[in-house]
Amino acid sequence: MPITCFIRYEIDPIQRDAFREYAGNWGRIIPRLGGRLLGYFLPHEGTNYEAWGLVGFDSLADYEAYRLRLKKDDEAVANFRFAREKRFILREERTFLENVA
């Protein structure tokens, strides 16, 4: 059953460009490691501290295998380190959604 990993980020609005770079990096990494990147989204108007990422997988098992590959991938590890060092992500939540249409 296809699923979508919906990631809600609370970001530092002053570091919006850092999040943009982080998301751009995932644009290369995620497809290479087996995820279907549906998109990363920054606020345009209104709330300025919420951003989202959506990544599709064929199953939860495929997501788990992808997560293992992420932990071993040099570029992914570097992107996680970039976020940790710059501290532009204040909070991150994941929800797994069932694709119904």
PDB file of N, CA and C in Angstrom:
ATOM      1  N   MET A   1       0.844  -1.171   0.000  1.00  0.00           N
ATOM      2  CA  MET A   1       0.000   0.000   0.000  1.00  0.00           C
ATOM      3  C   MET A   1       0.898   1.247   0.000  1.00  0.00           C
ATOM      4  N   PRO A   2       0.750   2.130  -0.981  1.00  0.00           N
ATOM      5  CA  PRO A   2       1.560   3.352  -1.028  1.00  0.00           C
ATOM      6  C   PRO A   2       1.279   4.265   0.176  1.00  0.00           C
ATOM      7  N   ILE A   3       2.347   4.892   0.662  1.00  0.00           N
ATOM      8  CA  ILE A   3       2.231   5.830   1.766  1.00  0.00           C
ATOM      9  C   ILE A   3       2.981   7.119   1.428  1.00  0.00           C
ATOM     10  N   THR A   4       2.625   8.171   2.129  1.00  0.00           N
ATOM     11  CA  THR A   4       3.352   9.428   2.030  1.00  0.00           C
ATOM     12  C   THR A   4       3.809   9.815   3.423  1.00  0.00           C
ATOM     13  N   CYS A   5       5.090  10.099   3.535  1.00  0.00           N
ATOM     14  CA  CYS A   5       5.644  10.622   4.774  1.00  0.00           C
ATOM     15  C   CYS A   5       5.501  12.136   4.704  1.00  0.00           C
ATOM     16  N   PHE A   6       4.674  12.679   5.590  1.00  0.00           N
ATOM     17  CA  PHE A   6       4.419  14.113   5.665  1.00  0.00           C
ATOM     18  C   PHE A   6       5.264  14.648   6.813  1.00  0.00           C
ATOM     19  N   ILE A   7       6.211  15.522   6.505  1.00  0.00           N
ATOM     20  CA  ILE A   7       7.111  16.077   7.518  1.00  0.00           C
ATOM     21  C   ILE A   7       6.748  17.542   7.725  1.00  0.00           C
ATOM     22  N   ARG A   8       6.428  17.886   8.942  1.00  0.00           N
ATOM     23  CA  ARG A   8       6.139  19.277   9.311  1.00  0.00           C
ATOM     24  C   ARG A   8       7.348  19.805  10.062  1.00  0.00           C
ATOM     25  N   TYR A   9       7.887  20.906   9.571  1.00  0.00           N
ATOM     26  CA  TYR A   9       9.038  21.544  10.204  1.00  0.00           C
ATOM     27  C   TYR A   9       8.610  22.856  10.826  1.00  0.00           C
ATOM     28  N   GLU A  10       9.091  23.124  12.010  1.00  0.00           N
ATOM     29  CA  GLU A  10       9.048  24.469  12.555  1.00  0.00           C
ATOM     30  C   GLU A  10      10.451  25.026  12.328  1.00  0.00           C
ATOM     31  N   ILE A  11      10.534  26.098  11.562  1.00  0.00           N
ATOM     32  CA  ILE A  11      11.835  26.638  11.183  1.00  0.00           C
ATOM     33  C   ILE A  11      12.039  28.032  11.775  1.00  0.00           C
ATOM     34  N   ASP A  12      13.294  28.427  11.845  1.00  0.00           N
ATOM     35  CA  ASP A  12      13.642  29.796  12.211  1.00  0.00           C
ATOM     36  C   ASP A  12      13.411  30.646  10.965  1.00  0.00           C
ATOM     37  N   PRO A  13      12.426  31.538  10.989  1.00  0.00           N
ATOM     38  CA  PRO A  13      12.108  32.300   9.776  1.00  0.00           C
ATOM     39  C   PRO A  13      13.266  33.170   9.283  1.00  0.00           C
ATOM     40  N   ILE A  14      14.157  33.531  10.162  1.00  0.00           N
ATOM     41  CA  ILE A  14      15.311  34.338   9.765  1.00  0.00           C
ATOM     42  C   ILE A  14      16.286  33.510   8.923  1.00  0.00           C
ATOM     43  N   GLN A  15      16.246  32.184   9.093  1.00  0.00           N
ATOM     44  CA  GLN A  15      17.157  31.299   8.358  1.00  0.00           C
ATOM     45  C   GLN A  15      16.443  30.559   7.222  1.00  0.00           C
ATOM     46  N   ARG A  16      15.482  31.189   6.656  1.00  0.00           N
ATOM     47  CA  ARG A  16      14.702  30.621   5.555  1.00  0.00           C
ATOM     48  C   ARG A  16      15.598  30.122   4.410  1.00  0.00           C
ATOM     49  N   ASP A  17      16.623  30.887   4.060  1.00  0.00           N
ATOM     50  CA  ASP A  17      17.513  30.495   2.959  1.00  0.00           C
ATOM     51  C   ASP A  17      18.296  29.228   3.293  1.00  0.00           C
ATOM     52  N   ALA A  18      18.640  29.040   4.559  1.00  0.00           N
ATOM     53  CA  ALA A  18      19.330  27.811   4.967  1.00  0.00           C
ATOM     54  C   ALA A  18      18.404  26.609   4.783  1.00  0.00           C
ATOM     55  N   PHE A  19      17.125  26.771   5.145  1.00  0.00           N
ATOM     56  CA  PHE A  19      16.179  25.671   4.930  1.00  0.00           C
ATOM     57  C   PHE A  19      16.013  25.401   3.440  1.00  0.00           C
ATOM     58  N   ARG A  20      15.982  26.443   2.639  1.00  0.00           N
ATOM     59  CA  ARG A  20      15.868  26.267   1.185  1.00  0.00           C
ATOM     60  C   ARG A  20      17.042  25.423   0.656  1.00  0.00           C
ATOM     61  N   GLU A  21      18.240  25.703   1.124  1.00  0.00           N
ATOM     62  CA  GLU A  21      19.417  24.926   0.713  1.00  0.00           C
ATOM     63  C   GLU A  21      19.297  23.478   1.168  1.00  0.00           C
ATOM     64  N   TYR A  22      18.882  23.275   2.411  1.00  0.00           N
ATOM     65  CA  TYR A  22      18.674  21.940   2.980  1.00  0.00           C
ATOM     66  C   TYR A  22      17.677  21.146   2.131  1.00  0.00           C
ATOM     67  N   ALA A  23      16.542  21.764   1.815  1.00  0.00           N
ATOM     68  CA  ALA A  23      15.519  21.107   1.008  1.00  0.00           C
ATOM     69  C   ALA A  23      16.039  20.801  -0.391  1.00  0.00           C
ATOM     70  N   GLY A  24      16.782  21.730  -0.972  1.00  0.00           N
ATOM     71  CA  GLY A  24      17.367  21.494  -2.293  1.00  0.00           C
ATOM     72  C   GLY A  24      18.302  20.302  -2.301  1.00  0.00           C
ATOM     73  N   ASN A  25      19.060  20.146  -1.230  1.00  0.00           N
ATOM     74  CA  ASN A  25      19.947  18.981  -1.121  1.00  0.00           C
ATOM     75  C   ASN A  25      19.145  17.686  -1.120  1.00  0.00           C
ATOM     76  N   TRP A  26      18.020  17.666  -0.401  1.00  0.00           N
ATOM     77  CA  TRP A  26      17.171  16.467  -0.382  1.00  0.00           C
ATOM     78  C   TRP A  26      16.613  16.172  -1.772  1.00  0.00           C
ATOM     79  N   GLY A  27      16.464  17.202  -2.582  1.00  0.00           N
ATOM     80  CA  GLY A  27      15.978  16.999  -3.949  1.00  0.00           C
ATOM     81  C   GLY A  27      16.868  16.078  -4.762  1.00  0.00           C
ATOM     82  N   ARG A  28      18.143  16.037  -4.432  1.00  0.00           N
ATOM     83  CA  ARG A  28      19.076  15.101  -5.087  1.00  0.00           C
ATOM     84  C   ARG A  28      19.156  13.769  -4.341  1.00  0.00           C
ATOM     85  N   ILE A  29      19.159  13.849  -3.013  1.00  0.00           N
ATOM     86  CA  ILE A  29      19.432  12.675  -2.180  1.00  0.00           C
ATOM     87  C   ILE A  29      18.252  11.699  -2.148  1.00  0.00           C
ATOM     88  N   ILE A  30      17.063  12.202  -1.899  1.00  0.00           N
ATOM     89  CA  ILE A  30      15.898  11.338  -1.699  1.00  0.00           C
ATOM     90  C   ILE A  30      15.642  10.417  -2.894  1.00  0.00           C
ATOM     91  N   PRO A  31      15.569  10.930  -4.117  1.00  0.00           N
ATOM     92  CA  PRO A  31      15.315  10.017  -5.248  1.00  0.00           C
ATOM     93  C   PRO A  31      16.437   8.980  -5.438  1.00  0.00           C
ATOM     94  N   ARG A  32      17.659   9.396  -5.187  1.00  0.00           N
ATOM     95  CA  ARG A  32      18.798   8.475  -5.351  1.00  0.00           C
ATOM     96  C   ARG A  32      18.721   7.322  -4.358  1.00  0.00           C
ATOM     97  N   LEU A  33      18.126   7.574  -3.193  1.00  0.00           N
ATOM     98  CA  LEU A  33      18.067   6.549  -2.150  1.00  0.00           C
ATOM     99  C   LEU A  33      16.739   5.794  -2.117  1.00  0.00           C
ATOM    100  N   GLY A  34      15.834   6.090  -3.053  1.00  0.00           N
ATOM    101  CA  GLY A  34      14.632   5.273  -3.184  1.00  0.00           C
ATOM    102  C   GLY A  34      13.320   5.910  -2.789  1.00  0.00           C
ATOM    103  N   GLY A  35      13.325   7.176  -2.387  1.00  0.00           N
ATOM    104  CA  GLY A  35      12.066   7.851  -2.073  1.00  0.00           C
ATOM    105  C   GLY A  35      11.548   8.607  -3.289  1.00  0.00           C
ATOM    106  N   ARG A  36      10.251   8.849  -3.323  1.00  0.00           N
ATOM    107  CA  ARG A  36       9.656   9.696  -4.367  1.00  0.00           C
ATOM    108  C   ARG A  36       9.392  11.059  -3.748  1.00  0.00           C
ATOM    109  N   LEU A  37      10.247  12.012  -4.056  1.00  0.00           N
ATOM    110  CA  LEU A  37      10.078  13.341  -3.490  1.00  0.00           C
ATOM    111  C   LEU A  37       8.876  14.018  -4.135  1.00  0.00           C
ATOM    112  N   LEU A  38       7.872  14.300  -3.330  1.00  0.00           N
ATOM    113  CA  LEU A  38       6.678  14.992  -3.801  1.00  0.00           C
ATOM    114  C   LEU A  38       6.842  16.498  -3.648  1.00  0.00           C
ATOM    115  N   GLY A  39       7.763  16.911  -2.781  1.00  0.00           N
ATOM    116  CA  GLY A  39       8.080  18.324  -2.680  1.00  0.00           C
ATOM    117  C   GLY A  39       8.443  18.767  -1.281  1.00  0.00           C
ATOM    118  N   TYR A  40       9.181  19.855  -1.244  1.00  0.00           N
ATOM    119  CA  TYR A  40       9.453  20.610  -0.018  1.00  0.00           C
ATOM    120  C   TYR A  40       8.817  21.976  -0.216  1.00  0.00           C
ATOM    121  N   PHE A  41       8.248  22.516   0.848  1.00  0.00           N
ATOM    122  CA  PHE A  41       7.477  23.741   0.736  1.00  0.00           C
ATOM    123  C   PHE A  41       7.844  24.707   1.849  1.00  0.00           C
ATOM    124  N   LEU A  42       8.129  25.944   1.463  1.00  0.00           N
ATOM    125  CA  LEU A  42       8.381  27.034   2.399  1.00  0.00           C
ATOM    126  C   LEU A  42       7.157  27.941   2.434  1.00  0.00           C
ATOM    127  N   PRO A  43       6.920  28.614   3.555  1.00  0.00           N
ATOM    128  CA  PRO A  43       5.796  29.546   3.598  1.00  0.00           C
ATOM    129  C   PRO A  43       6.008  30.699   2.632  1.00  0.00           C
ATOM    130  N   HIS A  44       4.934  31.092   1.990  1.00  0.00           N
ATOM    131  CA  HIS A  44       4.993  32.213   1.058  1.00  0.00           C
ATOM    132  C   HIS A  44       4.366  33.458   1.681  1.00  0.00           C
ATOM    133  N   GLU A  45       3.187  33.276   2.248  1.00  0.00           N
ATOM    134  CA  GLU A  45       2.510  34.342   2.984  1.00  0.00           C
ATOM    135  C   GLU A  45       1.880  33.716   4.216  1.00  0.00           C
ATOM    136  N   GLY A  46       1.554  34.541   5.169  1.00  0.00           N
ATOM    137  CA  GLY A  46       0.928  34.033   6.388  1.00  0.00           C
ATOM    138  C   GLY A  46       1.986  33.551   7.365  1.00  0.00           C
ATOM    139  N   THR A  47       1.721  32.415   7.986  1.00  0.00           N
ATOM    140  CA  THR A  47       2.644  31.859   8.972  1.00  0.00           C
ATOM    141  C   THR A  47       4.028  31.721   8.366  1.00  0.00           C
ATOM    142  N   ASN A  48       5.042  32.219   9.063  1.00  0.00           N
ATOM    143  CA  ASN A  48       6.385  32.231   8.484  1.00  0.00           C
ATOM    144  C   ASN A  48       7.332  31.215   9.106  1.00  0.00           C
ATOM    145  N   TYR A  49       6.841  30.340   9.970  1.00  0.00           N
ATOM    146  CA  TYR A  49       7.731  29.406  10.657  1.00  0.00           C
ATOM    147  C   TYR A  49       7.414  27.935  10.378  1.00  0.00           C
ATOM    148  N   GLU A  50       6.501  27.652   9.469  1.00  0.00           N
ATOM    149  CA  GLU A  50       6.147  26.270   9.134  1.00  0.00           C
ATOM    150  C   GLU A  50       6.560  25.955   7.714  1.00  0.00           C
ATOM    151  N   ALA A  51       7.247  24.822   7.564  1.00  0.00           N
ATOM    152  CA  ALA A  51       7.615  24.309   6.243  1.00  0.00           C
ATOM    153  C   ALA A  51       7.234  22.827   6.212  1.00  0.00           C
ATOM    154  N   TRP A  52       7.137  22.278   5.005  1.00  0.00           N
ATOM    155  CA  TRP A  52       6.706  20.887   4.868  1.00  0.00           C
ATOM    156  C   TRP A  52       7.551  20.156   3.844  1.00  0.00           C
ATOM    157  N   GLY A  53       7.671  18.859   4.052  1.00  0.00           N
ATOM    158  CA  GLY A  53       8.273  17.962   3.084  1.00  0.00           C
ATOM    159  C   GLY A  53       7.363  16.763   2.920  1.00  0.00           C
ATOM    160  N   LEU A  54       7.182  16.297   1.682  1.00  0.00           N
ATOM    161  CA  LEU A  54       6.366  15.120   1.416  1.00  0.00           C
ATOM    162  C   LEU A  54       7.174  14.150   0.568  1.00  0.00           C
ATOM    163  N   VAL A  55       7.251  12.909   1.042  1.00  0.00           N
ATOM    164  CA  VAL A  55       8.021  11.878   0.350  1.00  0.00           C
ATOM    165  C   VAL A  55       7.172  10.613   0.271  1.00  0.00           C
ATOM    166  N   GLY A  56       7.044  10.057  -0.936  1.00  0.00           N
ATOM    167  CA  GLY A  56       6.229   8.869  -1.144  1.00  0.00           C
ATOM    168  C   GLY A  56       7.057   7.596  -1.163  1.00  0.00           C
ATOM    169  N   PHE A  57       6.419   6.515  -0.716  1.00  0.00           N
ATOM    170  CA  PHE A  57       7.030   5.180  -0.704  1.00  0.00           C
ATOM    171  C   PHE A  57       5.957   4.157  -1.055  1.00  0.00           C
ATOM    172  N   ASP A  58       6.380   3.020  -1.569  1.00  0.00           N
ATOM    173  CA  ASP A  58       5.426   1.963  -1.906  1.00  0.00           C
ATOM    174  C   ASP A  58       4.837   1.297  -0.670  1.00  0.00           C
ATOM    175  N   SER A  59       5.584   1.334   0.443  1.00  0.00           N
ATOM    176  CA  SER A  59       5.115   0.704   1.674  1.00  0.00           C
ATOM    177  C   SER A  59       5.926   1.243   2.849  1.00  0.00           C
ATOM    178  N   LEU A  60       5.470   0.949   4.049  1.00  0.00           N
ATOM    179  CA  LEU A  60       6.218   1.331   5.247  1.00  0.00           C
ATOM    180  C   LEU A  60       7.550   0.588   5.299  1.00  0.00           C
ATOM    181  N   ALA A  61       7.577  -0.645   4.810  1.00  0.00           N
ATOM    182  CA  ALA A  61       8.834  -1.401   4.758  1.00  0.00           C
ATOM    183  C   ALA A  61       9.840  -0.711   3.836  1.00  0.00           C
ATOM    184  N   ASP A  62       9.380  -0.182   2.716  1.00  0.00           N
ATOM    185  CA  ASP A  62      10.277   0.555   1.814  1.00  0.00           C
ATOM    186  C   ASP A  62      10.807   1.815   2.492  1.00  0.00           C
ATOM    187  N   TYR A  63       9.967   2.473   3.277  1.00  0.00           N
ATOM    188  CA  TYR A  63      10.416   3.649   4.022  1.00  0.00           C
ATOM    189  C   TYR A  63      11.508   3.257   5.013  1.00  0.00           C
ATOM    190  N   GLU A  64      11.311   2.168   5.735  1.00  0.00           N
ATOM    191  CA  GLU A  64      12.301   1.720   6.724  1.00  0.00           C
ATOM    192  C   GLU A  64      13.639   1.393   6.053  1.00  0.00           C
ATOM    193  N   ALA A  65      13.603   0.749   4.902  1.00  0.00           N
ATOM    194  CA  ALA A  65      14.844   0.446   4.161  1.00  0.00           C
ATOM    195  C   ALA A  65      15.521   1.736   3.700  1.00  0.00           C
ATOM    196  N   TYR A  66      14.726   2.689   3.265  1.00  0.00           N
ATOM    197  CA  TYR A  66      15.238   4.002   2.853  1.00  0.00           C
ATOM    198  C   TYR A  66      15.941   4.690   4.023  1.00  0.00           C
ATOM    199  N   ARG A  67      15.329   4.657   5.203  1.00  0.00           N
ATOM    200  CA  ARG A  67      15.933   5.287   6.390  1.00  0.00           C
ATOM    201  C   ARG A  67      17.296   4.671   6.705  1.00  0.00           C
ATOM    202  N   LEU A  68      17.428   3.379   6.525  1.00  0.00           N
ATOM    203  CA  LEU A  68      18.733   2.725   6.749  1.00  0.00           C
ATOM    204  C   LEU A  68      19.766   3.228   5.740  1.00  0.00           C
ATOM    205  N   ARG A  69      19.350   3.385   4.486  1.00  0.00           N
ATOM    206  CA  ARG A  69      20.276   3.914   3.465  1.00  0.00           C
ATOM    207  C   ARG A  69      20.677   5.355   3.777  1.00  0.00           C
ATOM    208  N   LEU A  70      19.737   6.152   4.286  1.00  0.00           N
ATOM    209  CA  LEU A  70      20.034   7.546   4.648  1.00  0.00           C
ATOM    210  C   LEU A  70      21.173   7.624   5.656  1.00  0.00           C
ATOM    211  N   LYS A  71      21.133   6.751   6.650  1.00  0.00           N
ATOM    212  CA  LYS A  71      22.119   6.784   7.735  1.00  0.00           C
ATOM    213  C   LYS A  71      23.525   6.435   7.264  1.00  0.00           C
ATOM    214  N   LYS A  72      23.626   5.765   6.113  1.00  0.00           N
ATOM    215  CA  LYS A  72      24.923   5.345   5.590  1.00  0.00           C
ATOM    216  C   LYS A  72      25.425   6.212   4.442  1.00  0.00           C
ATOM    217  N   ASP A  73      24.603   7.118   3.958  1.00  0.00           N
ATOM    218  CA  ASP A  73      24.931   7.930   2.793  1.00  0.00           C
ATOM    219  C   ASP A  73      25.669   9.205   3.210  1.00  0.00           C
ATOM    220  N   ASP A  74      26.849   9.424   2.639  1.00  0.00           N
ATOM    221  CA  ASP A  74      27.675  10.579   3.020  1.00  0.00           C
ATOM    222  C   ASP A  74      26.966  11.908   2.798  1.00  0.00           C
ATOM    223  N   GLU A  75      26.282  12.070   1.668  1.00  0.00           N
ATOM    224  CA  GLU A  75      25.615  13.332   1.376  1.00  0.00           C
ATOM    225  C   GLU A  75      24.432  13.574   2.325  1.00  0.00           C
ATOM    226  N   ALA A  76      23.697  12.520   2.644  1.00  0.00           N
ATOM    227  CA  ALA A  76      22.578  12.646   3.584  1.00  0.00           C
ATOM    228  C   ALA A  76      23.087  13.003   4.976  1.00  0.00           C
ATOM    229  N   VAL A  77      24.135  12.326   5.416  1.00  0.00           N
ATOM    230  CA  VAL A  77      24.719  12.611   6.731  1.00  0.00           C
ATOM    231  C   VAL A  77      25.201  14.062   6.790  1.00  0.00           C
ATOM    232  N   ALA A  78      25.814  14.539   5.717  1.00  0.00           N
ATOM    233  CA  ALA A  78      26.288  15.926   5.667  1.00  0.00           C
ATOM    234  C   ALA A  78      25.118  16.905   5.728  1.00  0.00           C
ATOM    235  N   ASN A  79      23.995  16.568   5.090  1.00  0.00           N
ATOM    236  CA  ASN A  79      22.836  17.462   5.122  1.00  0.00           C
ATOM    237  C   ASN A  79      22.225  17.519   6.520  1.00  0.00           C
ATOM    238  N   PHE A  80      22.137  16.376   7.193  1.00  0.00           N
ATOM    239  CA  PHE A  80      21.666  16.372   8.574  1.00  0.00           C
ATOM    240  C   PHE A  80      22.591  17.211   9.457  1.00  0.00           C
ATOM    241  N   ARG A  81      23.906  17.089   9.247  1.00  0.00           N
ATOM    242  CA  ARG A  81      24.887  17.852  10.017  1.00  0.00           C
ATOM    243  C   ARG A  81      24.725  19.356   9.770  1.00  0.00           C
ATOM    244  N   PHE A  82      24.506  19.738   8.502  1.00  0.00           N
ATOM    245  CA  PHE A  82      24.276  21.133   8.138  1.00  0.00           C
ATOM    246  C   PHE A  82      23.101  21.711   8.936  1.00  0.00           C
ATOM    247  N   ALA A  83      22.004  20.967   9.000  1.00  0.00           N
ATOM    248  CA  ALA A  83      20.818  21.431   9.735  1.00  0.00           C
ATOM    249  C   ALA A  83      21.111  21.548  11.232  1.00  0.00           C
ATOM    250  N   ARG A  84      21.821  20.569  11.754  1.00  0.00           N
ATOM    251  CA  ARG A  84      22.139  20.584  13.187  1.00  0.00           C
ATOM    252  C   ARG A  84      23.056  21.762  13.540  1.00  0.00           C
ATOM    253  N   GLU A  85      24.061  22.005  12.707  1.00  0.00           N
ATOM    254  CA  GLU A  85      25.011  23.079  12.987  1.00  0.00           C
ATOM    255  C   GLU A  85      24.389  24.463  12.831  1.00  0.00           C
ATOM    256  N   LYS A  86      23.545  24.646  11.822  1.00  0.00           N
ATOM    257  CA  LYS A  86      22.920  25.957  11.577  1.00  0.00           C
ATOM    258  C   LYS A  86      21.698  26.205  12.466  1.00  0.00           C
ATOM    259  N   ARG A  87      21.089  25.135  12.959  1.00  0.00           N
ATOM    260  CA  ARG A  87      19.942  25.216  13.876  1.00  0.00           C
ATOM    261  C   ARG A  87      18.744  25.971  13.300  1.00  0.00           C
ATOM    262  N   PHE A  88      18.481  25.781  12.031  1.00  0.00           N
ATOM    263  CA  PHE A  88      17.319  26.445  11.428  1.00  0.00           C
ATOM    264  C   PHE A  88      16.053  25.619  11.572  1.00  0.00           C
ATOM    265  N   ILE A  89      16.175  24.338  11.919  1.00  0.00           N
ATOM    266  CA  ILE A  89      15.006  23.505  12.201  1.00  0.00           C
ATOM    267  C   ILE A  89      14.832  23.473  13.716  1.00  0.00           C
ATOM    268  N   LEU A  90      13.726  24.016  14.184  1.00  0.00           N
ATOM    269  CA  LEU A  90      13.467  24.078  15.617  1.00  0.00           C
ATOM    270  C   LEU A  90      12.702  22.854  16.105  1.00  0.00           C
ATOM    271  N   ARG A  91      11.907  22.283  15.197  1.00  0.00           N
ATOM    272  CA  ARG A  91      11.079  21.130  15.547  1.00  0.00           C
ATOM    273  C   ARG A  91      10.706  20.399  14.266  1.00  0.00           C
ATOM    274  N   GLU A  92      10.562  19.095  14.362  1.00  0.00           N
ATOM    275  CA  GLU A  92      10.222  18.277  13.192  1.00  0.00           C
ATOM    276  C   GLU A  92       9.265  17.177  13.617  1.00  0.00           C
ATOM    277  N   GLU A  93       8.189  17.003  12.843  1.00  0.00           N
ATOM    278  CA  GLU A  93       7.193  15.963  13.121  1.00  0.00           C
ATOM    279  C   GLU A  93       6.937  15.176  11.847  1.00  0.00           C
ATOM    280  N   ARG A  94       6.749  13.865  11.992  1.00  0.00           N
ATOM    281  CA  ARG A  94       6.431  13.010  10.844  1.00  0.00           C
ATOM    282  C   ARG A  94       5.069  12.356  11.045  1.00  0.00           C
ATOM    283  N   THR A  95       4.291  12.346   9.978  1.00  0.00           N
ATOM    284  CA  THR A  95       3.019  11.636   9.950  1.00  0.00           C
ATOM    285  C   THR A  95       3.014  10.798   8.684  1.00  0.00           C
ATOM    286  N   PHE A  96       2.532   9.580   8.780  1.00  0.00           N
ATOM    287  CA  PHE A  96       2.463   8.703   7.618  1.00  0.00           C
ATOM    288  C   PHE A  96       1.015   8.610   7.158  1.00  0.00           C
ATOM    289  N   LEU A  97       0.824   8.956   5.899  1.00  0.00           N
ATOM    290  CA  LEU A  97      -0.513   9.019   5.333  1.00  0.00           C
ATOM    291  C   LEU A  97      -0.704   7.905   4.304  1.00  0.00           C
ATOM    292  N   GLU A  98      -1.868   7.344   4.294  1.00  0.00           N
ATOM    293  CA  GLU A  98      -2.240   6.344   3.302  1.00  0.00           C
ATOM    294  C   GLU A  98      -2.717   7.047   2.042  1.00  0.00           C
ATOM    295  N   ASN A  99      -2.177   6.664   0.906  1.00  0.00           N
ATOM    296  CA  ASN A  99      -2.618   7.233  -0.366  1.00  0.00           C
ATOM    297  C   ASN A  99      -3.945   6.579  -0.757  1.00  0.00           C
ATOM    298  N   VAL A 100      -4.974   7.391  -0.924  1.00  0.00           N
ATOM    299  CA  VAL A 100      -6.294   6.843  -1.270  1.00  0.00           C
ATOM    300  C   VAL A 100      -6.798   7.291  -2.634  1.00  0.00           C
ATOM    301  N   ALA A 101      -6.165   8.266  -3.238  1.00  0.00           N
ATOM    302  CA  ALA A 101      -6.591   8.698  -4.570  1.00  0.00           C
ATOM    303  C   ALA A 101      -5.409   9.233  -5.346  1.00  0.00           C
TER     304      ALA A 101
END
